């Protein structure tokens, strides 16, 4: 099986910059998780998702972070909530997932290329 990704396929993935504006506990999740509300700017607005990032982050240090999310997946039911985007991070089974963050003040909704 060829695992080479075609450019046309990659170009279909829409990744954008958003800022975390709210974080809530997600006690119904199978594994410890938060529910994140992320503002992707005027065009897309506020979307929510769940994230198993409690090992590395507290609720307080997440608010205000500029993150990267895939925003063109269909909504997905996760327990009692509907996830509206995929939060991107580097998986680390020891220290916990590390979010992909944007360290510059780029406009919300900026596309990742």
N, C-alpha and C. Protein backbone atom coordinates (compact mmCIF):
# COMPACT_ATOMS: atom_id res chain seq x y z
N UNK A 1 0.85 -1.18 0.00
CA UNK A 1 0.00 0.00 0.00
C UNK A 1 0.89 1.24 0.00
N UNK A 2 0.60 2.16 -0.87
CA UNK A 2 1.35 3.41 -0.97
C UNK A 2 0.81 4.40 0.05
N UNK A 3 1.66 4.85 0.97
CA UNK A 3 1.20 5.79 2.00
C UNK A 3 1.53 7.24 1.66
N UNK A 4 1.92 7.49 0.43
CA UNK A 4 2.23 8.85 0.00
C UNK A 4 0.93 9.63 -0.16
N UNK A 5 0.88 10.77 0.49
CA UNK A 5 -0.30 11.64 0.43
C UNK A 5 -0.23 12.48 -0.84
N UNK A 6 -1.33 12.54 -1.55
CA UNK A 6 -1.39 13.35 -2.75
C UNK A 6 -1.66 14.80 -2.39
N UNK A 7 -1.07 15.74 -3.11
CA UNK A 7 -1.27 17.17 -2.85
C UNK A 7 -2.74 17.55 -2.88
N UNK A 8 -3.47 16.98 -3.82
CA UNK A 8 -4.89 17.31 -3.94
C UNK A 8 -5.65 16.93 -2.67
N UNK A 9 -5.27 15.82 -2.06
CA UNK A 9 -5.92 15.39 -0.82
C UNK A 9 -5.57 16.35 0.31
N UNK A 10 -4.30 16.69 0.45
CA UNK A 10 -3.88 17.61 1.51
C UNK A 10 -4.57 18.96 1.38
N UNK A 11 -4.72 19.44 0.16
CA UNK A 11 -5.34 20.74 -0.07
C UNK A 11 -6.80 20.78 0.37
N UNK A 12 -7.43 19.62 0.54
CA UNK A 12 -8.81 19.55 1.01
C UNK A 12 -8.93 19.77 2.52
N UNK A 13 -7.84 19.58 3.25
CA UNK A 13 -7.85 19.73 4.71
C UNK A 13 -7.73 21.21 5.04
N UNK A 14 -8.73 21.74 5.75
CA UNK A 14 -8.70 23.15 6.13
C UNK A 14 -8.30 23.25 7.60
N UNK A 15 -7.09 23.76 7.82
CA UNK A 15 -6.58 23.99 9.17
C UNK A 15 -6.52 25.50 9.39
N UNK A 16 -7.06 25.94 10.53
CA UNK A 16 -7.11 27.37 10.82
C UNK A 16 -6.66 27.65 12.25
N UNK A 17 -6.30 28.90 12.49
CA UNK A 17 -5.89 29.37 13.81
C UNK A 17 -7.13 29.83 14.57
N UNK A 18 -7.21 29.40 15.81
CA UNK A 18 -8.28 29.84 16.70
C UNK A 18 -7.70 30.14 18.07
N UNK A 19 -8.47 30.82 18.91
CA UNK A 19 -8.05 31.10 20.27
C UNK A 19 -9.05 30.45 21.23
N UNK A 20 -8.51 29.77 22.23
CA UNK A 20 -9.35 29.11 23.23
C UNK A 20 -9.97 30.19 24.12
N UNK A 21 -11.31 30.20 24.19
CA UNK A 21 -11.98 31.23 24.99
C UNK A 21 -12.67 30.66 26.23
N UNK A 22 -12.99 29.36 26.22
CA UNK A 22 -13.60 28.72 27.39
C UNK A 22 -13.12 27.29 27.48
N UNK A 23 -12.97 26.81 28.72
CA UNK A 23 -12.59 25.42 28.97
C UNK A 23 -13.47 24.89 30.10
N UNK A 24 -14.05 23.71 29.88
CA UNK A 24 -14.91 23.09 30.90
C UNK A 24 -14.47 21.65 31.10
N UNK A 25 -14.69 21.14 32.29
CA UNK A 25 -14.47 19.72 32.53
C UNK A 25 -15.45 18.91 31.69
N UNK A 26 -15.05 17.68 31.36
CA UNK A 26 -15.90 16.78 30.59
C UNK A 26 -16.00 15.46 31.36
N UNK A 27 -16.77 15.45 32.46
CA UNK A 27 -16.80 14.27 33.33
C UNK A 27 -17.39 13.03 32.66
N UNK A 28 -18.17 13.19 31.60
CA UNK A 28 -18.77 12.04 30.93
C UNK A 28 -17.79 11.33 29.98
N UNK A 29 -16.64 11.92 29.72
CA UNK A 29 -15.66 11.31 28.80
C UNK A 29 -15.09 10.03 29.39
N UNK A 30 -14.75 9.09 28.53
CA UNK A 30 -14.16 7.82 28.97
C UNK A 30 -12.78 8.03 29.61
N UNK A 31 -12.00 8.92 29.01
CA UNK A 31 -10.69 9.29 29.54
C UNK A 31 -10.76 10.75 29.96
N UNK A 32 -9.95 11.17 30.93
CA UNK A 32 -10.01 12.58 31.36
C UNK A 32 -9.87 13.53 30.17
N UNK A 33 -10.79 14.50 30.10
CA UNK A 33 -10.82 15.42 28.96
C UNK A 33 -11.45 16.74 29.36
N UNK A 34 -11.21 17.73 28.52
CA UNK A 34 -11.85 19.04 28.64
C UNK A 34 -12.75 19.24 27.42
N UNK A 35 -13.74 20.12 27.57
CA UNK A 35 -14.48 20.65 26.43
C UNK A 35 -13.94 22.05 26.19
N UNK A 36 -13.48 22.31 24.96
CA UNK A 36 -12.90 23.60 24.60
C UNK A 36 -13.83 24.35 23.66
N UNK A 37 -13.99 25.64 23.91
CA UNK A 37 -14.71 26.54 23.00
C UNK A 37 -13.63 27.42 22.38
N UNK A 38 -13.56 27.40 21.06
CA UNK A 38 -12.48 28.08 20.34
C UNK A 38 -13.07 29.06 19.34
N UNK A 39 -12.58 30.28 19.37
CA UNK A 39 -13.02 31.32 18.43
C UNK A 39 -12.11 31.29 17.21
N UNK A 40 -12.69 30.98 16.04
CA UNK A 40 -11.95 30.95 14.79
C UNK A 40 -12.17 32.21 13.95
N UNK A 41 -12.71 33.26 14.57
CA UNK A 41 -12.88 34.53 13.85
C UNK A 41 -14.26 34.72 13.29
N UNK A 42 -14.43 35.86 12.61
CA UNK A 42 -15.74 36.28 12.13
C UNK A 42 -16.39 35.31 11.15
N UNK A 43 -15.61 34.73 10.25
CA UNK A 43 -16.20 33.87 9.22
C UNK A 43 -16.75 32.56 9.78
N UNK A 44 -15.98 31.91 10.66
CA UNK A 44 -16.36 30.59 11.17
C UNK A 44 -17.02 30.67 12.55
N UNK A 45 -16.59 31.61 13.37
CA UNK A 45 -17.18 31.77 14.70
C UNK A 45 -16.59 30.84 15.73
N UNK A 46 -17.38 30.56 16.76
CA UNK A 46 -16.94 29.73 17.88
C UNK A 46 -17.37 28.29 17.65
N UNK A 47 -16.39 27.39 17.75
CA UNK A 47 -16.64 25.95 17.62
C UNK A 47 -16.17 25.27 18.90
N UNK A 48 -16.70 24.07 19.16
CA UNK A 48 -16.27 23.35 20.36
C UNK A 48 -15.79 21.95 19.99
N UNK A 49 -14.96 21.43 20.88
CA UNK A 49 -14.46 20.07 20.74
C UNK A 49 -14.08 19.56 22.11
N UNK A 50 -13.81 18.27 22.20
CA UNK A 50 -13.25 17.72 23.44
C UNK A 50 -11.80 17.36 23.17
N UNK A 51 -11.02 17.38 24.23
CA UNK A 51 -9.59 17.09 24.08
C UNK A 51 -9.07 16.39 25.33
N UNK A 52 -8.35 15.31 25.12
CA UNK A 52 -7.73 14.58 26.23
C UNK A 52 -6.35 15.19 26.49
N UNK A 53 -6.35 16.37 27.08
CA UNK A 53 -5.11 17.11 27.31
C UNK A 53 -4.94 17.50 28.78
N UNK A 54 -5.67 16.80 29.66
CA UNK A 54 -5.65 17.15 31.08
C UNK A 54 -4.33 16.80 31.76
N UNK A 55 -3.56 15.92 31.17
CA UNK A 55 -2.28 15.52 31.76
C UNK A 55 -1.26 16.65 31.67
N UNK A 56 -1.28 17.41 30.59
CA UNK A 56 -0.29 18.46 30.35
C UNK A 56 -0.81 19.86 30.70
N UNK A 57 -2.12 20.07 30.63
CA UNK A 57 -2.68 21.42 30.78
C UNK A 57 -3.73 21.47 31.88
N UNK A 58 -3.85 22.64 32.50
CA UNK A 58 -4.97 22.93 33.39
C UNK A 58 -5.93 23.84 32.63
N UNK A 59 -7.15 23.95 33.12
CA UNK A 59 -8.12 24.82 32.46
C UNK A 59 -7.59 26.26 32.39
N UNK A 60 -6.98 26.71 33.47
CA UNK A 60 -6.52 28.10 33.53
C UNK A 60 -5.43 28.44 32.52
N UNK A 61 -4.53 27.49 32.24
CA UNK A 61 -3.45 27.84 31.31
C UNK A 61 -3.80 27.57 29.85
N UNK A 62 -5.03 27.17 29.57
CA UNK A 62 -5.46 26.97 28.18
C UNK A 62 -6.12 28.20 27.57
N UNK A 63 -6.86 28.94 28.38
CA UNK A 63 -7.59 30.11 27.86
C UNK A 63 -6.59 31.13 27.33
N UNK A 64 -6.84 31.57 26.10
CA UNK A 64 -5.98 32.55 25.44
C UNK A 64 -4.95 31.95 24.50
N UNK A 65 -4.77 30.63 24.53
CA UNK A 65 -3.80 30.00 23.63
C UNK A 65 -4.34 30.02 22.20
N UNK A 66 -3.47 30.35 21.25
CA UNK A 66 -3.80 30.27 19.82
C UNK A 66 -3.39 28.89 19.35
N UNK A 67 -4.38 28.15 18.87
CA UNK A 67 -4.17 26.75 18.50
C UNK A 67 -4.49 26.55 17.02
N UNK A 68 -4.25 25.32 16.55
CA UNK A 68 -4.56 24.95 15.17
C UNK A 68 -5.61 23.85 15.20
N UNK A 69 -6.64 24.02 14.38
CA UNK A 69 -7.69 23.02 14.29
C UNK A 69 -8.07 22.72 12.86
N UNK A 70 -8.46 21.48 12.61
CA UNK A 70 -9.03 21.09 11.31
C UNK A 70 -10.52 21.39 11.41
N UNK A 71 -10.99 22.29 10.56
CA UNK A 71 -12.35 22.81 10.71
C UNK A 71 -13.34 22.30 9.67
N UNK A 72 -12.91 21.39 8.79
CA UNK A 72 -13.86 20.91 7.78
C UNK A 72 -14.18 19.42 7.89
N UNK A 73 -14.04 18.86 9.10
CA UNK A 73 -14.58 17.53 9.36
C UNK A 73 -16.07 17.67 9.67
N UNK A 74 -16.86 16.64 9.42
CA UNK A 74 -18.26 16.71 9.84
C UNK A 74 -18.33 16.64 11.37
N UNK A 75 -19.41 17.16 11.96
CA UNK A 75 -19.57 17.05 13.41
C UNK A 75 -19.53 15.59 13.85
N UNK A 76 -18.99 15.35 15.07
CA UNK A 76 -18.86 13.98 15.57
C UNK A 76 -19.38 13.92 17.00
N UNK A 77 -20.26 12.96 17.25
CA UNK A 77 -20.81 12.78 18.59
C UNK A 77 -19.75 12.14 19.48
N UNK A 78 -19.44 12.80 20.60
CA UNK A 78 -18.51 12.26 21.58
C UNK A 78 -19.23 12.29 22.92
N UNK A 79 -19.77 11.16 23.31
CA UNK A 79 -20.58 11.13 24.52
C UNK A 79 -21.77 12.07 24.34
N UNK A 80 -22.03 12.93 25.32
CA UNK A 80 -23.19 13.82 25.23
C UNK A 80 -22.94 15.11 24.43
N UNK A 81 -21.73 15.29 23.90
CA UNK A 81 -21.43 16.53 23.16
C UNK A 81 -21.14 16.23 21.70
N UNK A 82 -21.24 17.27 20.88
CA UNK A 82 -20.89 17.15 19.46
C UNK A 82 -19.63 17.95 19.21
N UNK A 83 -18.59 17.27 18.75
CA UNK A 83 -17.33 17.93 18.41
C UNK A 83 -17.47 18.55 17.03
N UNK A 84 -17.03 19.82 16.91
CA UNK A 84 -17.21 20.56 15.67
C UNK A 84 -15.90 20.79 14.91
N UNK A 85 -14.77 20.41 15.49
CA UNK A 85 -13.48 20.50 14.80
C UNK A 85 -12.50 19.56 15.47
N UNK A 86 -11.36 19.34 14.82
CA UNK A 86 -10.31 18.48 15.37
C UNK A 86 -9.15 19.35 15.82
N UNK A 87 -8.86 19.32 17.11
CA UNK A 87 -7.73 20.04 17.68
C UNK A 87 -6.45 19.26 17.37
N UNK A 88 -5.41 19.96 16.90
CA UNK A 88 -4.17 19.27 16.54
C UNK A 88 -3.15 19.36 17.67
N UNK A 89 -2.44 18.27 17.87
CA UNK A 89 -1.43 18.22 18.91
C UNK A 89 -0.44 17.10 18.63
N UNK A 90 0.67 17.15 19.35
CA UNK A 90 1.69 16.12 19.26
C UNK A 90 1.44 15.11 20.37
N UNK A 91 1.23 13.86 20.00
CA UNK A 91 0.91 12.82 20.97
C UNK A 91 2.15 12.43 21.76
N UNK A 92 2.02 12.48 23.07
CA UNK A 92 3.12 12.10 23.98
C UNK A 92 2.50 11.27 25.10
N UNK A 93 2.65 9.94 25.06
CA UNK A 93 1.99 9.10 26.06
C UNK A 93 2.52 9.30 27.48
N UNK A 94 3.70 9.86 27.62
CA UNK A 94 4.28 10.04 28.95
C UNK A 94 3.86 11.38 29.57
N UNK A 95 4.08 12.47 28.87
CA UNK A 95 3.80 13.81 29.39
C UNK A 95 2.41 14.31 29.01
N UNK A 96 1.73 13.65 28.10
CA UNK A 96 0.43 14.10 27.62
C UNK A 96 0.55 14.88 26.33
N UNK A 97 -0.51 14.91 25.58
CA UNK A 97 -0.53 15.59 24.28
C UNK A 97 -0.17 17.06 24.42
N UNK A 98 0.68 17.53 23.50
CA UNK A 98 1.07 18.94 23.45
C UNK A 98 0.36 19.59 22.27
N UNK A 99 -0.35 20.67 22.55
CA UNK A 99 -1.09 21.35 21.49
C UNK A 99 -0.16 22.00 20.47
N UNK A 100 -0.60 22.02 19.22
CA UNK A 100 0.09 22.82 18.22
C UNK A 100 -0.37 24.25 18.41
N UNK A 101 0.56 25.11 18.79
CA UNK A 101 0.23 26.49 19.09
C UNK A 101 0.86 27.43 18.07
N UNK A 102 0.23 28.58 17.89
CA UNK A 102 0.75 29.64 17.03
C UNK A 102 1.27 30.72 17.95
N UNK A 103 2.56 31.05 17.82
CA UNK A 103 3.17 31.98 18.77
C UNK A 103 3.16 33.44 18.31
N UNK A 104 2.46 33.73 17.23
CA UNK A 104 2.33 35.10 16.76
C UNK A 104 0.86 35.50 16.77
N UNK A 105 0.62 36.79 16.83
CA UNK A 105 -0.74 37.30 16.91
C UNK A 105 -1.34 37.43 15.51
N UNK A 106 -1.50 36.28 14.83
CA UNK A 106 -2.10 36.30 13.50
C UNK A 106 -3.62 36.37 13.65
N UNK A 107 -4.33 36.85 12.63
CA UNK A 107 -5.78 36.95 12.72
C UNK A 107 -6.42 35.58 12.94
N UNK A 108 -7.48 35.56 13.75
CA UNK A 108 -8.24 34.33 13.94
C UNK A 108 -8.80 33.88 12.60
N UNK A 109 -8.77 32.58 12.36
CA UNK A 109 -9.26 32.04 11.10
C UNK A 109 -8.17 31.97 10.03
N UNK A 110 -6.95 32.43 10.35
CA UNK A 110 -5.86 32.32 9.37
C UNK A 110 -5.67 30.87 8.99
N UNK A 111 -5.54 30.62 7.70
CA UNK A 111 -5.40 29.26 7.20
C UNK A 111 -3.95 28.81 7.34
N UNK A 112 -3.78 27.57 7.73
CA UNK A 112 -2.45 26.95 7.81
C UNK A 112 -2.17 26.33 6.44
N UNK A 113 -1.00 26.62 5.91
CA UNK A 113 -0.65 26.11 4.59
C UNK A 113 0.61 25.29 4.66
